[in-house]
Amino acid sequence: AVLTQNTMTGCLFALCASVALAGPPPLLAARAPSVVMGGMEQKLTPLASGNRVSLQLSGPTASLEPLAQSCVGMARSAGLTGIVYSLERLARLEIVAEGGREHLDALVDHAAAAADVECKVEWQAPVGGYDEAFPLVTLRPQMSAVLGVHGDKRTLDYYTRHLQVEA
């Protein structure tokens, strides 16, 4: 079956890891009014070895755009894994990075030194699942996706119920 969705909640990103294991849910709810940071709210549940840091950066878009690019370049060259979420409407970036502590410290120092940018740092237990591509994902108020849904009825029902609770 194919599911078309015009709007997604921020929880879609949190479900991506579980979707890879059991398949996506058959329904997606409307997007919540504001995007919630996945990285800063990640609980201390170690699923991988190494270190993990989540940075929440707030400031003028003119400062955040080049900072996002420079952090991605720095992370890639250091061999870190992770992702950058750009929430343009909220003038905020979230960077989630995993790897060696010395490289993560350098990334934190680089981000914290940016002019006109407030930086919140949260050290967390690593969860893995990221790769070296370190993508920059721009989240917008309206997004769309087409998902192929495959799985047994019981599994799909399970994901549908949990997605409805999260939304």
Protein backbone atom coordinates (compact mmCIF):
# COMPACT_ATOMS: atom_id res chain seq x y z
CA ALA A 1 0.00 0.00 0.00
CA VAL A 2 1.15 3.56 -0.57
CA LEU A 3 0.37 6.35 1.88
CA THR A 4 0.44 10.00 0.87
CA GLN A 5 0.87 12.52 3.68
CA ASN A 6 0.71 16.29 3.28
CA THR A 7 1.94 17.16 6.77
CA MET A 8 4.07 15.26 9.25
CA THR A 9 4.77 15.66 12.93
CA GLY A 10 8.19 16.06 14.38
CA CYS A 11 7.72 12.56 15.77
CA LEU A 12 8.13 11.14 12.26
CA PHE A 13 11.87 11.67 12.63
CA ALA A 14 11.89 9.85 15.96
CA LEU A 15 10.03 6.94 14.37
CA CYS A 16 12.39 6.62 11.39
CA ALA A 17 14.70 4.27 13.27
CA SER A 18 11.88 1.95 14.28
CA VAL A 19 10.33 2.19 10.82
CA ALA A 20 13.51 0.78 9.33
CA LEU A 21 13.05 -2.32 11.49
CA ALA A 22 9.34 -3.03 11.13
CA GLY A 23 8.02 -0.79 8.37
CA PRO A 24 6.23 2.58 8.57
CA PRO A 25 2.78 3.04 10.07
CA PRO A 26 -0.15 3.17 7.67
CA LEU A 27 -1.32 6.61 8.84
CA LEU A 28 0.47 9.82 9.74
CA ALA A 29 -1.03 12.56 11.87
CA ALA A 30 -1.00 16.31 11.24
CA ARG A 31 2.13 18.19 12.24
CA ALA A 32 2.28 19.57 15.76
CA PRO A 33 2.26 23.39 16.04
CA SER A 34 5.96 23.46 16.98
CA VAL A 35 8.84 21.10 16.30
CA VAL A 36 10.30 19.39 19.34
CA MET A 37 14.03 18.70 19.51
CA GLY A 38 14.72 15.00 19.33
CA GLY A 39 18.36 15.22 20.37
CA MET A 40 18.02 17.42 23.46
CA GLU A 41 15.16 15.27 24.68
CA GLN A 42 16.82 11.92 24.03
CA LYS A 43 16.90 9.94 27.27
CA LEU A 44 20.11 8.47 28.63
CA THR A 45 19.76 5.03 27.10
CA PRO A 46 23.10 3.88 25.66
CA LEU A 47 22.61 1.85 22.49
CA ALA A 48 26.09 2.36 21.02
CA SER A 49 29.64 3.00 22.17
CA GLY A 50 31.39 6.36 22.12
CA ASN A 51 30.10 9.82 22.97
CA ARG A 52 27.13 11.92 21.88
CA VAL A 53 26.39 15.61 22.08
CA SER A 54 23.30 17.56 21.13
CA LEU A 55 23.60 21.27 20.42
CA GLN A 56 20.68 23.65 20.21
CA LEU A 57 21.71 26.87 18.49
CA SER A 58 19.46 29.92 18.36
CA GLY A 59 20.10 33.21 16.63
CA PRO A 60 19.64 35.22 13.45
CA THR A 61 19.27 33.15 10.29
CA ALA A 62 22.17 35.07 8.75
CA SER A 63 24.41 33.63 11.48
CA LEU A 64 22.90 30.13 11.61
CA GLU A 65 23.14 29.27 7.89
CA PRO A 66 26.93 29.57 7.60
CA LEU A 67 27.36 28.01 11.04
CA ALA A 68 25.38 24.93 9.96
CA GLN A 69 27.58 24.53 6.88
CA SER A 70 30.81 24.96 8.82
CA CYS A 71 29.72 22.51 11.53
CA VAL A 72 28.78 19.90 8.90
CA GLY A 73 32.17 20.32 7.20
CA MET A 74 34.01 20.09 10.50
CA ALA A 75 32.06 17.00 11.58
CA ARG A 76 32.64 15.24 8.26
CA SER A 77 36.38 15.93 8.27
CA ALA A 78 36.63 14.68 11.88
CA GLY A 79 34.79 11.45 11.05
CA LEU A 80 31.85 12.21 13.33
CA THR A 81 28.41 10.81 12.61
CA GLY A 82 25.19 12.73 13.10
CA ILE A 83 22.67 15.12 11.65
CA VAL A 84 21.81 18.83 11.60
CA TYR A 85 18.19 19.96 11.76
CA SER A 86 17.48 23.51 10.60
CA LEU A 87 14.26 24.98 11.95
CA GLU A 88 14.22 28.21 9.96
CA ARG A 89 10.84 29.39 11.23
CA LEU A 90 12.13 29.20 14.82
CA ALA A 91 15.60 30.58 13.96
CA ARG A 92 17.15 27.45 15.45
CA LEU A 93 19.54 24.64 14.58
CA GLU A 94 19.90 21.31 16.31
CA ILE A 95 23.09 19.34 15.82
CA VAL A 96 23.30 15.76 17.04
CA ALA A 97 26.80 14.28 16.76
CA GLU A 98 28.46 11.07 17.87
CA GLY A 99 32.11 10.08 17.89
CA GLY A 100 35.34 10.69 19.77
CA ARG A 101 35.17 13.09 22.70
CA GLU A 102 38.02 15.32 21.47
CA HIS A 103 36.31 15.88 18.09
CA LEU A 104 32.95 16.51 19.76
CA ASP A 105 34.57 19.03 22.14
CA ALA A 106 36.05 20.84 19.13
CA LEU A 107 32.61 20.93 17.46
CA VAL A 108 31.03 22.33 20.64
CA ASP A 109 33.75 24.99 20.95
CA HIS A 110 33.31 25.97 17.29
CA ALA A 111 29.53 26.32 17.62
CA ALA A 112 29.69 28.14 20.97
CA ALA A 113 32.17 30.69 19.56
CA ALA A 114 29.76 31.81 16.81
CA ALA A 115 28.76 35.47 17.03
CA ASP A 116 25.13 36.30 17.88
CA VAL A 117 24.27 32.63 18.55
CA GLU A 118 23.07 31.12 21.80
CA CYS A 119 24.36 27.56 22.28
CA LYS A 120 22.86 24.94 24.60
CA VAL A 121 24.91 21.78 25.03
CA GLU A 122 23.61 18.42 26.23
CA TRP A 123 25.91 15.39 26.59
CA GLN A 124 24.02 12.14 26.16
CA ALA A 125 24.46 8.42 25.85
CA PRO A 126 25.13 7.45 22.21
CA VAL A 127 22.43 5.63 20.26
CA GLY A 128 24.18 5.00 16.93
CA GLY A 129 22.29 4.85 13.65
CA TYR A 130 23.95 7.90 12.07
CA ASP A 131 26.43 7.82 9.21
CA GLU A 132 29.32 10.00 8.05
CA ALA A 133 27.16 11.92 5.55
CA PHE A 134 26.09 14.22 8.41
CA PRO A 135 23.10 15.62 6.46
CA LEU A 136 21.58 19.06 6.90
CA VAL A 137 17.80 18.63 7.10
CA THR A 138 15.60 21.71 6.83
CA LEU A 139 12.29 21.31 8.66
CA ARG A 140 9.44 23.48 7.44
CA PRO A 141 5.89 23.99 8.76
CA GLN A 142 4.47 22.11 5.76
CA MET A 143 6.24 19.02 4.46
CA SER A 144 5.09 16.02 2.48
CA ALA A 145 6.12 12.43 1.90
CA VAL A 146 5.04 9.33 0.09
CA LEU A 147 5.64 6.17 2.08
CA GLY A 148 5.39 2.56 0.98
CA VAL A 149 3.77 0.57 3.77
CA HIS A 150 4.55 -3.13 4.06
CA GLY A 151 4.09 -5.50 6.96
CA ASP A 152 1.65 -7.72 8.70
CA LYS A 153 -1.62 -6.21 9.93
CA ARG A 154 -0.71 -6.57 13.62
CA THR A 155 2.59 -4.67 13.26
CA LEU A 156 1.01 -1.91 11.19
CA ASP A 157 -1.81 -1.53 13.74
CA TYR A 158 0.77 -1.26 16.52
CA TYR A 159 2.64 1.57 14.78
CA THR A 160 -0.59 3.37 13.93
CA ARG A 161 -1.71 3.38 17.57
CA HIS A 162 1.65 4.67 18.82
CA LEU A 163 1.88 7.36 16.17
CA GLN A 164 -1.60 8.59 17.06
CA VAL A 165 -0.59 8.79 20.73
CA GLU A 166 2.61 10.70 19.85
CA ALA A 167 0.80 13.13 17.56
